[in-house]
Amino acid sequence: MTAEIARLLDRLHAKGRVHGGVEPLAVLFVGGALRLADPLPSAKGARAQQPRVPKATAASLPSGRQRDFSSLGATFARMLGGAGEVEKLPAPVRHVLARCATTDPARVFRSGNEIAEALELALAASEAPPAVERRAAPDAEDLRVQRAAPPPPPKVSPVPVRQRGANVGHRWMLLLLCGMLLLGGAAIYHLRPASQPGPPAGLAEGEPDAPAVPVEETEALVELLAALPEQPLTEEPPRPTAEAVLRAILARAGGQPCQRLEVERIGPDLRLVGRIQSATDLAPILAMLDPLEEAVDVAIDVDGPDRFCALYDVLSRRTTTAMPRLANLYPRRTSHRLSYGEALMIQVQTPAEPSYLTVDYFTADGMVLHLSAADSDETALSPLTEVVVGNPLDGPSLQIGAPSGDELILVLATAAPLFSGSRPPAENADVYLAALDTALGQAATRPLASTLRIETVPSAD
């Protein structure tokens, strides 16, 4: 339930508003669903509002949103630990609560979704991680070996918010059903046919019968209903499923320049992630998701034109968006920010058909490193196969280094090897995009493409 509160707060921020009154009393269950109540009006009778900032960084996070995060951490402390019991909470949970209140730009949370992920991972830190098949990355002159074994990936368990909400809804439905049964029983009792009285004592045979019984109430009711005009039953149209709405959003975004949207799955939950060009493109997306009964998280950054526009345009014309997306950082983490010296490992899952994988790394200095590319003599990977590219235990690995900035991982799943010959381990991004556009245009079927944006920063040391 705590993670769901953070996501509700993130949706409020996405609409350009701040809450200003997050506390335990503001958390409500309405109709079996979790809701975040509006705060009480201030002394001036108005609720604080903050213009939406398209791209919020740790150094430029709006103060109103930061106050919401601090109040959210205090609310979590009350809900999880209670007064005087916070020190008994697990250390990962205490770390998340401390980050909610911090003002350090290097540690501050940037969104409610990031808080929710951090809290889910902290609560699930003691669970055993799932087994993952590993695959080595190819050798390259500029790749350095890191021998330290990576920590096992935390298993993200779904937060049982919906289950508790569903139980509350079931109790209300049960009470309503009992009330309807009681009312129905009372109506049947009053509308039952009157019993025929027997002959009074001492009435001799052959004497006149008792007076006729009046018209029964049930017959009068039938006559009354027969006189009413027939009212056709109106059928409520079926509501669209979350998957259908998300596919419509992806299809609509496919023709837009400089943007890429994808769907990722975390347990039973779906999340819409990616980057779009302007804030006006975000409003219709939220409007399409609003009537859904299933909760869909939104983590979309508004960037405007950037240096990956040319790549997005090639992918829009030549490929199909994967759903869910094919790539994630390994091990899973709440943020896609990597520091100098960290090993870059990508967990990739093949789609529902045999595929050849191509994994490319677009660096901040305009180069492309080819981390994995299938040769013509290799066989296709089986459907839904998970591999880890760049695992230092299996061979050479890539360590993050200068220069820092926004970078991108591109994964392509094709029915045949993408290039007939091998390419150099590293090459200029513009040269590679031209070759990639030609190769994708010659493919017999449209490949599946998935992108993963990362941010590299200097180490804290």
Protein backbone atom coordinates (compact mmCIF):
# COMPACT_ATOMS: atom_id res chain seq x y z
CA MET A 1 0.00 0.00 0.00
CA THR A 2 2.84 2.41 0.76
CA ALA A 3 4.30 2.14 -2.75
CA GLU A 4 0.87 2.77 -4.28
CA ILE A 5 0.58 6.02 -2.28
CA ALA A 6 3.87 7.20 -3.79
CA ARG A 7 2.59 6.42 -7.30
CA LEU A 8 -0.65 8.31 -6.64
CA LEU A 9 1.45 11.32 -5.60
CA ASP A 10 3.51 10.97 -8.80
CA ARG A 11 0.33 11.10 -10.91
CA LEU A 12 -0.66 14.31 -9.13
CA HIS A 13 2.76 15.82 -9.91
CA ALA A 14 2.46 14.74 -13.56
CA LYS A 15 -0.64 16.96 -13.81
CA GLY A 16 1.37 20.00 -12.68
CA ARG A 17 0.14 20.05 -9.07
CA VAL A 18 1.59 19.49 -5.62
CA HIS A 19 -0.36 18.02 -2.71
CA GLY A 20 1.00 19.98 0.25
CA GLY A 21 -0.78 17.87 2.85
CA VAL A 22 0.41 14.26 2.70
CA GLU A 23 -0.34 12.53 6.02
CA PRO A 24 -1.90 9.23 7.20
CA LEU A 25 -5.39 10.82 7.42
CA ALA A 26 -5.15 11.75 3.71
CA VAL A 27 -4.90 8.07 2.68
CA LEU A 28 -8.41 6.75 1.97
CA PHE A 29 -10.06 3.59 0.62
CA VAL A 30 -12.93 4.52 -1.70
CA GLY A 31 -14.92 1.72 -3.30
CA GLY A 32 -12.15 -0.77 -2.58
CA ALA A 33 -9.48 1.42 -4.25
CA LEU A 34 -6.75 3.49 -2.68
CA ARG A 35 -7.14 7.26 -2.97
CA LEU A 36 -5.12 10.28 -1.82
CA ALA A 37 -7.49 12.90 -0.41
CA ASP A 38 -7.07 16.58 -1.17
CA PRO A 39 -5.34 18.51 1.66
CA LEU A 40 -7.31 20.82 3.95
CA PRO A 41 -7.38 24.43 2.66
CA SER A 42 -4.69 26.73 4.01
CA ALA A 43 -5.31 30.00 5.86
CA LYS A 44 -5.57 31.80 2.53
CA GLY A 45 -8.18 29.31 1.33
CA ALA A 46 -6.12 28.06 -1.61
CA ARG A 47 -4.11 24.92 -2.26
CA ALA A 48 -0.49 25.33 -3.24
CA GLN A 49 0.14 24.67 -6.89
CA GLN A 50 3.40 24.29 -8.77
CA PRO A 51 3.89 24.52 -12.55
CA ARG A 52 5.00 21.24 -14.04
CA VAL A 53 8.69 21.07 -14.79
CA PRO A 54 9.23 18.81 -17.84
CA LYS A 55 12.64 17.49 -16.87
CA ALA A 56 13.34 17.54 -13.13
CA THR A 57 16.84 16.82 -11.95
CA ALA A 58 18.17 16.37 -8.44
CA ALA A 59 19.51 19.94 -8.46
CA SER A 60 16.33 21.55 -9.84
CA LEU A 61 13.55 19.57 -8.13
CA PRO A 62 10.63 21.95 -7.33
CA SER A 63 10.51 22.76 -3.62
CA GLY A 64 6.77 21.98 -3.44
CA ARG A 65 7.35 18.44 -4.75
CA GLN A 66 10.27 17.98 -2.37
CA ARG A 67 8.04 18.95 0.56
CA ASP A 68 5.54 16.35 -0.64
CA PHE A 69 8.32 13.73 -0.65
CA SER A 70 9.39 14.70 2.88
CA SER A 71 5.78 14.47 4.13
CA LEU A 72 5.43 11.14 2.31
CA GLY A 73 8.46 9.76 4.14
CA ALA A 74 7.00 10.89 7.49
CA THR A 75 3.68 9.25 6.57
CA PHE A 76 5.44 6.00 5.70
CA ALA A 77 7.29 6.11 9.02
CA ARG A 78 3.95 6.43 10.89
CA MET A 79 2.32 3.65 8.84
CA LEU A 80 5.24 1.18 8.89
CA GLY A 81 6.74 1.80 12.32
CA GLY A 82 4.54 4.05 14.39
CA ALA A 83 5.65 6.48 17.07
CA GLY A 84 8.98 5.45 18.59
CA GLU A 85 9.22 2.26 16.52
CA VAL A 86 10.97 3.53 13.37
CA GLU A 87 14.37 2.30 14.56
CA LYS A 88 12.97 -1.27 14.54
CA LEU A 89 12.32 -1.16 10.79
CA PRO A 90 14.77 -2.95 8.46
CA ALA A 91 17.81 -0.91 7.46
CA PRO A 92 16.84 -0.68 3.72
CA VAL A 93 13.43 0.76 4.68
CA ARG A 94 15.02 3.30 7.04
CA HIS A 95 17.39 4.29 4.22
CA VAL A 96 14.44 4.99 1.89
CA LEU A 97 12.67 7.07 4.58
CA ALA A 98 15.85 9.08 5.16
CA ARG A 99 16.19 9.78 1.42
CA CYS A 100 12.62 11.13 1.36
CA ALA A 101 13.60 13.86 3.81
CA THR A 102 17.07 14.65 2.49
CA THR A 103 17.92 17.81 0.55
CA ASP A 104 21.26 16.48 -0.74
CA PRO A 105 21.07 16.78 -4.58
CA ALA A 106 23.05 13.54 -4.96
CA ARG A 107 20.54 11.49 -2.89
CA VAL A 108 17.18 13.22 -3.33
CA PHE A 109 14.37 11.30 -5.00
CA ARG A 110 13.21 12.78 -8.33
CA SER A 111 9.72 11.25 -8.57
CA GLY A 112 7.10 9.34 -6.63
CA ASN A 113 7.66 6.35 -8.93
CA GLU A 114 11.32 6.27 -7.88
CA ILE A 115 10.26 6.27 -4.20
CA ALA A 116 7.80 3.45 -4.87
CA GLU A 117 10.45 1.32 -6.58
CA ALA A 118 12.97 1.96 -3.81
CA LEU A 119 10.43 0.99 -1.14
CA GLU A 120 9.36 -2.17 -3.00
CA LEU A 121 12.96 -3.29 -3.39
CA ALA A 122 13.69 -2.49 0.26
CA LEU A 123 10.70 -4.55 1.47
CA ALA A 124 11.63 -7.44 -0.85
CA ALA A 125 15.40 -7.35 -0.19
CA SER A 126 15.33 -10.53 1.91
CA GLU A 127 13.67 -12.67 -0.75
CA ALA A 128 15.68 -15.01 -2.98
CA PRO A 129 16.51 -13.62 -6.44
CA PRO A 130 15.31 -15.43 -9.59
CA ALA A 131 17.78 -17.52 -11.56
CA VAL A 132 19.08 -15.77 -14.65
CA GLU A 133 20.84 -17.33 -17.61
CA ARG A 134 24.02 -15.51 -18.48
CA ARG A 135 25.77 -14.86 -21.78
CA ALA A 136 29.19 -13.35 -22.35
CA ALA A 137 29.76 -10.11 -24.24
CA PRO A 138 32.22 -10.11 -27.24
CA ASP A 139 35.82 -9.05 -26.85
CA ALA A 140 36.72 -5.41 -27.63
CA GLU A 141 39.96 -3.44 -27.26
CA ASP A 142 38.39 -0.72 -25.15
CA LEU A 143 36.56 -3.08 -22.74
CA ARG A 144 38.11 -3.61 -19.33
CA VAL A 145 37.67 -6.67 -17.09
CA GLN A 146 35.99 -6.41 -13.74
CA ARG A 147 36.23 -9.61 -11.72
CA ALA A 148 34.00 -8.73 -8.79
CA ALA A 149 30.80 -10.73 -8.79
CA PRO A 150 27.70 -8.55 -9.08
CA PRO A 151 25.18 -8.65 -6.27
CA PRO A 152 22.18 -10.93 -6.93
CA PRO A 153 19.14 -9.15 -8.34
CA PRO A 154 16.45 -8.40 -5.76
CA LYS A 155 13.19 -10.06 -6.45
CA VAL A 156 10.47 -7.46 -6.86
CA SER A 157 7.30 -8.73 -5.25
CA PRO A 158 3.97 -7.07 -5.99
CA VAL A 159 2.66 -4.87 -3.21
CA PRO A 160 -0.66 -6.35 -1.94
CA VAL A 161 -2.54 -3.06 -2.20
CA ARG A 162 -5.12 -4.32 -4.62
CA GLN A 163 -5.74 -7.48 -2.58
CA ARG A 164 -6.59 -5.49 0.55
CA GLY A 165 -8.68 -3.10 -1.49
CA ALA A 166 -10.44 -6.04 -3.12
CA ASN A 167 -11.29 -7.56 0.33
CA VAL A 168 -12.87 -4.29 1.42
CA GLY A 169 -14.93 -4.20 -1.77
CA HIS A 170 -16.01 -7.84 -1.22
CA ARG A 171 -17.23 -7.06 2.29
CA TRP A 172 -19.38 -4.18 1.00
CA MET A 173 -20.79 -6.42 -1.75
CA LEU A 174 -21.59 -9.14 0.83
CA LEU A 175 -23.43 -6.65 3.07
CA LEU A 176 -25.38 -5.34 0.06
CA LEU A 177 -26.32 -8.89 -0.98
CA CYS A 178 -27.55 -9.72 2.55
CA GLY A 179 -29.68 -6.57 2.58
CA MET A 180 -31.23 -7.47 -0.78
CA LEU A 181 -32.04 -10.99 0.47
CA LEU A 182 -33.76 -9.58 3.57
CA LEU A 183 -35.84 -7.15 1.52
CA GLY A 184 -36.75 -9.90 -0.95
CA GLY A 185 -37.87 -12.20 1.86
CA ALA A 186 -40.06 -9.48 3.36
CA ALA A 187 -41.66 -8.77 -0.04
CA ILE A 188 -42.42 -12.47 -0.62
CA TYR A 189 -43.95 -12.72 2.86
CA HIS A 190 -46.35 -9.80 2.26
CA LEU A 191 -47.25 -10.86 -1.29
CA ARG A 192 -47.87 -14.56 -0.49
CA PRO A 193 -51.36 -15.95 -1.33
CA ALA A 194 -53.78 -15.87 1.56
CA SER A 195 -54.55 -19.31 2.99
CA GLN A 196 -58.05 -20.67 2.34
CA PRO A 197 -59.96 -20.74 5.63
CA GLY A 198 -61.46 -24.06 6.55
CA PRO A 199 -65.13 -24.47 7.39
CA PRO A 200 -65.97 -23.16 10.83
CA ALA A 201 -66.60 -25.63 13.57
CA GLY A 202 -70.12 -26.98 13.56
CA LEU A 203 -70.85 -26.20 9.90
CA ALA A 204 -72.93 -29.02 8.59
CA GLU A 205 -72.40 -30.65 5.23
CA GLY A 206 -74.44 -29.05 2.50
CA GLU A 207 -74.57 -25.64 4.10
CA PRO A 208 -73.46 -22.58 2.01
CA ASP A 209 -69.71 -22.14 1.59
CA ALA A 210 -67.73 -19.29 3.19
CA PRO A 211 -67.61 -15.93 1.37
CA ALA A 212 -65.28 -15.75 -1.64
CA VAL A 213 -61.70 -14.55 -0.96
CA PRO A 214 -60.86 -11.08 -2.43
CA VAL A 215 -58.45 -10.70 -5.38
CA GLU A 216 -54.97 -11.70 -4.26
CA GLU A 217 -52.26 -9.08 -3.88
CA THR A 218 -50.06 -11.00 -6.27
CA GLU A 219 -52.67 -10.87 -9.03
CA ALA A 220 -53.05 -7.12 -8.54
CA LEU A 221 -49.28 -6.70 -8.78
CA VAL A 222 -49.16 -8.71 -12.01
CA GLU A 223 -51.90 -6.55 -13.53
CA LEU A 224 -50.05 -3.40 -12.46
CA LEU A 225 -46.77 -4.55 -14.02
CA ALA A 226 -48.51 -5.64 -17.22
CA ALA A 227 -49.81 -2.11 -17.73
CA LEU A 228 -46.31 -0.63 -17.65
CA PRO A 229 -44.43 -0.18 -20.96
CA GLU A 230 -41.53 -2.52 -21.56
CA GLN A 231 -38.18 -0.93 -20.78
CA PRO A 232 -35.27 -2.40 -22.76
CA LEU A 233 -32.23 -3.25 -20.68
CA THR A 234 -29.27 -1.07 -21.51
CA GLU A 235 -25.99 -2.96 -21.68
CA GLU A 236 -22.91 -1.13 -20.51
CA PRO A 237 -20.20 -1.31 -23.18
CA PRO A 238 -17.20 -3.37 -22.11
CA ARG A 239 -14.31 -1.35 -20.79
CA PRO A 240 -11.06 -1.56 -22.72
CA THR A 241 -8.27 -3.57 -21.16
CA ALA A 242 -5.00 -1.99 -20.09
CA GLU A 243 -3.10 -3.93 -22.75
CA ALA A 244 -5.41 -2.69 -25.53
CA VAL A 245 -5.06 0.94 -24.40
CA LEU A 246 -1.29 0.65 -24.12
CA ARG A 247 -1.01 -0.81 -27.62
CA ALA A 248 -3.08 2.10 -28.94
CA ILE A 249 -0.75 4.56 -27.17
CA LEU A 250 2.33 2.86 -28.63
CA ALA A 251 0.84 2.87 -32.13
CA ARG A 252 0.06 6.57 -31.83
CA ALA A 253 3.54 7.40 -30.56
CA GLY A 254 5.18 5.44 -33.39
CA GLY A 255 4.55 8.23 -35.91
CA GLN A 256 5.74 11.08 -33.70
CA PRO A 257 9.29 12.45 -34.15
CA CYS A 258 11.96 12.24 -31.47
CA GLN A 259 10.07 10.02 -29.07
CA ARG A 260 10.01 6.40 -28.00
CA LEU A 261 7.50 4.81 -25.59
CA GLU A 262 7.63 1.26 -24.29
CA VAL A 263 5.86 -0.95 -21.76
CA GLU A 264 7.68 -2.84 -19.03
CA ARG A 265 6.23 -5.40 -16.66
CA ILE A 266 7.13 -5.61 -12.95
CA GLY A 267 5.41 -8.70 -11.59
CA PRO A 268 1.70 -8.28 -12.39
CA ASP A 269 2.00 -4.50 -12.85
CA LEU A 270 2.47 -2.60 -16.11
CA ARG A 271 4.39 0.64 -16.54
CA LEU A 272 4.57 3.01 -19.50
CA VAL A 273 8.11 4.37 -19.84
CA GLY A 274 10.07 6.40 -22.38
CA ARG A 275 10.65 9.96 -23.58
CA ILE A 276 8.49 12.41 -25.51
CA GLN A 277 9.21 15.74 -27.12
CA SER A 278 6.80 18.14 -25.35
CA ALA A 279 4.49 18.32 -22.34
CA THR A 280 1.45 18.70 -24.62
CA ASP A 281 2.02 15.11 -25.79
CA LEU A 282 1.66 13.82 -22.23
CA ALA A 283 -1.91 15.07 -21.55
CA PRO A 284 -3.69 12.80 -24.11
CA ILE A 285 -1.69 9.81 -22.86
CA LEU A 286 -2.85 10.37 -19.28
CA ALA A 287 -6.43 10.89 -20.52
CA MET A 288 -6.39 7.49 -22.26
CA LEU A 289 -5.12 5.76 -19.11
CA ASP A 290 -7.44 7.52 -16.64
CA PRO A 291 -10.65 5.41 -17.15
CA LEU A 292 -8.83 2.09 -16.76
CA GLU A 293 -9.73 -0.05 -13.77
CA GLU A 294 -6.23 -1.56 -13.80
CA ALA A 295 -3.52 0.72 -12.49
CA VAL A 296 -0.79 1.58 -15.02
CA ASP A 297 2.24 3.49 -13.78
CA VAL A 298 3.66 6.27 -15.96
CA ALA A 299 7.35 7.18 -15.98
CA ILE A 300 7.73 9.35 -19.10
CA ASP A 301 10.39 12.05 -19.37
CA VAL A 302 9.78 15.19 -21.43
CA ASP A 303 13.04 16.08 -23.12
CA GLY A 304 12.34 17.90 -26.37
CA PRO A 305 14.67 17.28 -29.30
CA ASP A 306 17.94 15.61 -28.32
CA ARG A 307 20.80 13.82 -30.03
CA PHE A 308 18.90 10.49 -30.18
CA CYS A 309 16.18 11.90 -32.48
CA ALA A 310 17.83 10.42 -35.58
CA LEU A 311 17.93 6.97 -33.98
CA TYR A 312 14.28 7.19 -32.88
CA ASP A 313 13.24 8.19 -36.41
CA VAL A 314 15.04 5.18 -37.92
CA LEU A 315 13.41 2.84 -35.41
CA SER A 316 9.98 4.41 -36.01
CA ARG A 317 10.23 3.74 -39.76
CA ARG A 318 11.90 0.33 -39.69
CA THR A 319 10.95 -1.53 -36.47
CA THR A 320 8.11 -2.46 -34.15
CA THR A 321 8.03 -1.54 -30.46
CA ALA A 322 8.38 -4.49 -28.08
CA MET A 323 5.71 -4.98 -25.40
CA PRO A 324 6.97 -5.50 -22.79
CA ARG A 325 10.40 -4.06 -23.56
CA LEU A 326 13.38 -6.35 -24.09
CA ALA A 327 16.15 -4.77 -21.96
CA ASN A 328 16.74 -3.80 -18.32
CA LEU A 329 19.81 -3.11 -16.25
CA TYR A 330 21.18 -6.08 -14.34
CA PRO A 331 20.81 -6.27 -11.43
CA ARG A 332 17.51 -4.40 -11.30
CA ARG A 333 17.68 -1.00 -9.61
CA THR A 334 15.40 1.92 -8.84
CA SER A 335 17.38 4.34 -11.01
CA HIS A 336 19.16 4.09 -14.36
CA ARG A 337 22.05 6.23 -13.10
CA LEU A 338 25.52 4.60 -13.24
CA SER A 339 28.77 5.94 -11.79
CA TYR A 340 32.32 5.70 -13.10
CA GLY A 341 33.81 2.28 -12.45
CA GLU A 342 30.50 0.37 -12.36
CA ALA A 343 30.09 -2.59 -14.70
CA LEU A 344 27.41 -2.15 -17.36
CA MET A 345 25.33 -5.35 -17.55
CA ILE A 346 22.09 -5.61 -19.51
CA GLN A 347 19.47 -8.31 -18.95
CA VAL A 348 17.78 -9.12 -22.26
CA GLN A 349 14.76 -11.34 -22.92
CA THR A 350 13.97 -12.64 -26.40
CA PRO A 351 10.38 -12.21 -27.65
CA ALA A 352 7.85 -15.00 -28.14
CA GLU A 353 9.60 -16.33 -31.27
CA PRO A 354 13.17 -17.50 -32.02
CA SER A 355 15.36 -14.43 -32.50
CA TYR A 356 18.87 -13.13 -33.09
CA LEU A 357 19.89 -10.35 -30.70
CA THR A 358 21.89 -7.22 -31.43
CA VAL A 359 22.87 -5.08 -28.40
CA ASP A 360 24.47 -1.64 -29.01
CA TYR A 361 25.67 1.01 -26.54
CA PHE A 362 25.44 4.66 -27.68
CA THR A 363 27.88 6.64 -25.50
CA ALA A 364 27.85 10.30 -24.50
CA ASP A 365 30.75 11.13 -26.86
CA GLY A 366 28.87 10.11 -30.04
CA MET A 367 30.28 6.58 -30.39
CA VAL A 368 28.62 3.16 -30.56
CA LEU A 369 29.99 0.07 -28.80
CA HIS A 370 28.67 -3.24 -30.16
CA LEU A 371 28.15 -5.38 -27.05
CA SER A 372 26.51 -8.35 -28.76
CA ALA A 373 25.91 -9.23 -32.41
CA ALA A 374 24.85 -12.60 -33.87
CA ASP A 375 27.03 -14.12 -36.60
CA SER A 376 25.60 -15.82 -39.67
CA ASP A 377 26.74 -19.26 -38.44
CA GLU A 378 24.98 -18.96 -35.05
CA THR A 379 21.56 -20.39 -34.29
CA ALA A 380 18.63 -18.30 -33.11
CA LEU A 381 17.87 -18.06 -29.40
CA SER A 382 14.75 -19.83 -28.15
CA PRO A 383 11.60 -17.81 -27.36
CA LEU A 384 11.50 -16.02 -23.99
CA THR A 385 15.16 -16.73 -23.23
CA GLU A 386 16.87 -14.46 -20.69
CA VAL A 387 20.55 -13.62 -21.15
CA VAL A 388 22.89 -11.14 -19.45
CA VAL A 389 25.21 -9.18 -21.73
CA GLY A 390 28.42 -7.91 -20.11
CA ASN A 391 28.65 -10.25 -17.11
CA PRO A 392 32.27 -10.03 -15.82
CA LEU A 393 32.08 -13.65 -14.63
CA ASP A 394 31.68 -14.86 -18.22
CA GLY A 395 34.31 -12.74 -19.93
CA PRO A 396 35.30 -9.14 -20.68
CA SER A 397 32.96 -6.50 -19.33
CA LEU A 398 32.39 -2.80 -19.88
CA GLN A 399 33.07 -0.32 -17.09
CA ILE A 400 31.45 3.11 -17.05
CA GLY A 401 33.91 5.94 -17.62
CA ALA A 402 34.27 9.48 -18.98
CA PRO A 403 32.65 11.35 -20.59
CA SER A 404 29.40 11.32 -18.61
CA GLY A 405 25.88 12.25 -19.71
CA ASP A 406 22.78 10.73 -21.30
CA GLU A 407 23.47 7.43 -23.02
CA LEU A 408 21.36 4.70 -24.60
CA ILE A 409 21.19 0.92 -24.96
CA LEU A 410 19.56 -0.42 -28.16
CA VAL A 411 18.35 -4.04 -28.41
CA LEU A 412 17.13 -5.47 -31.73
CA ALA A 413 15.44 -8.89 -32.06
CA THR A 414 15.51 -10.08 -35.69
CA ALA A 415 14.49 -13.25 -37.53
CA ALA A 416 17.96 -13.43 -39.14
CA PRO A 417 21.38 -11.95 -38.32
CA LEU A 418 21.22 -8.20 -38.96
CA PHE A 419 24.57 -7.75 -40.73
CA SER A 420 26.18 -10.20 -43.11
CA GLY A 421 29.69 -9.31 -41.89
CA SER A 422 31.19 -8.22 -38.62
CA ARG A 423 31.47 -4.57 -37.61
CA PRO A 424 34.26 -2.94 -35.59
CA PRO A 425 33.88 -3.07 -31.79
CA ALA A 426 33.40 0.73 -31.71
CA GLU A 427 32.42 3.22 -34.44
CA ASN A 428 30.90 6.67 -34.99
CA ALA A 429 27.17 6.79 -34.22
CA ASP A 430 26.24 8.61 -37.47
CA VAL A 431 28.11 6.06 -39.60
CA TYR A 432 26.43 3.20 -37.78
CA LEU A 433 22.94 4.74 -38.08
CA ALA A 434 23.29 4.90 -41.87
CA ALA A 435 24.31 1.22 -42.01
CA LEU A 436 21.59 0.28 -39.53
CA ASP A 437 18.89 2.04 -41.58
CA THR A 438 19.97 0.12 -44.69
CA ALA A 439 20.12 -3.24 -42.90
CA LEU A 440 16.69 -2.80 -41.28
CA GLY A 441 15.19 -1.80 -44.63
CA GLN A 442 16.45 -5.05 -46.20
CA ALA A 443 15.02 -7.27 -43.42
CA ALA A 444 12.27 -9.66 -44.53
CA THR A 445 10.11 -8.79 -41.49
CA ARG A 446 10.02 -5.76 -39.22
CA PRO A 447 12.29 -6.47 -36.26
CA LEU A 448 11.40 -5.71 -32.65
CA ALA A 449 13.34 -2.81 -31.13
CA SER A 450 13.73 -1.72 -27.52
CA THR A 451 15.70 1.19 -26.05
CA LEU A 452 16.93 1.85 -22.51
CA ARG A 453 18.11 5.35 -21.55
CA ILE A 454 20.80 5.58 -18.85
CA GLU A 455 22.62 8.46 -17.15
CA THR A 456 26.33 8.21 -16.36
CA VAL A 457 27.89 10.41 -13.68
CA PRO A 458 31.33 10.72 -12.07
CA SER A 459 31.79 8.58 -8.97
CA ALA A 460 31.13 10.17 -5.57
CA ASP A 461 34.73 9.52 -4.55
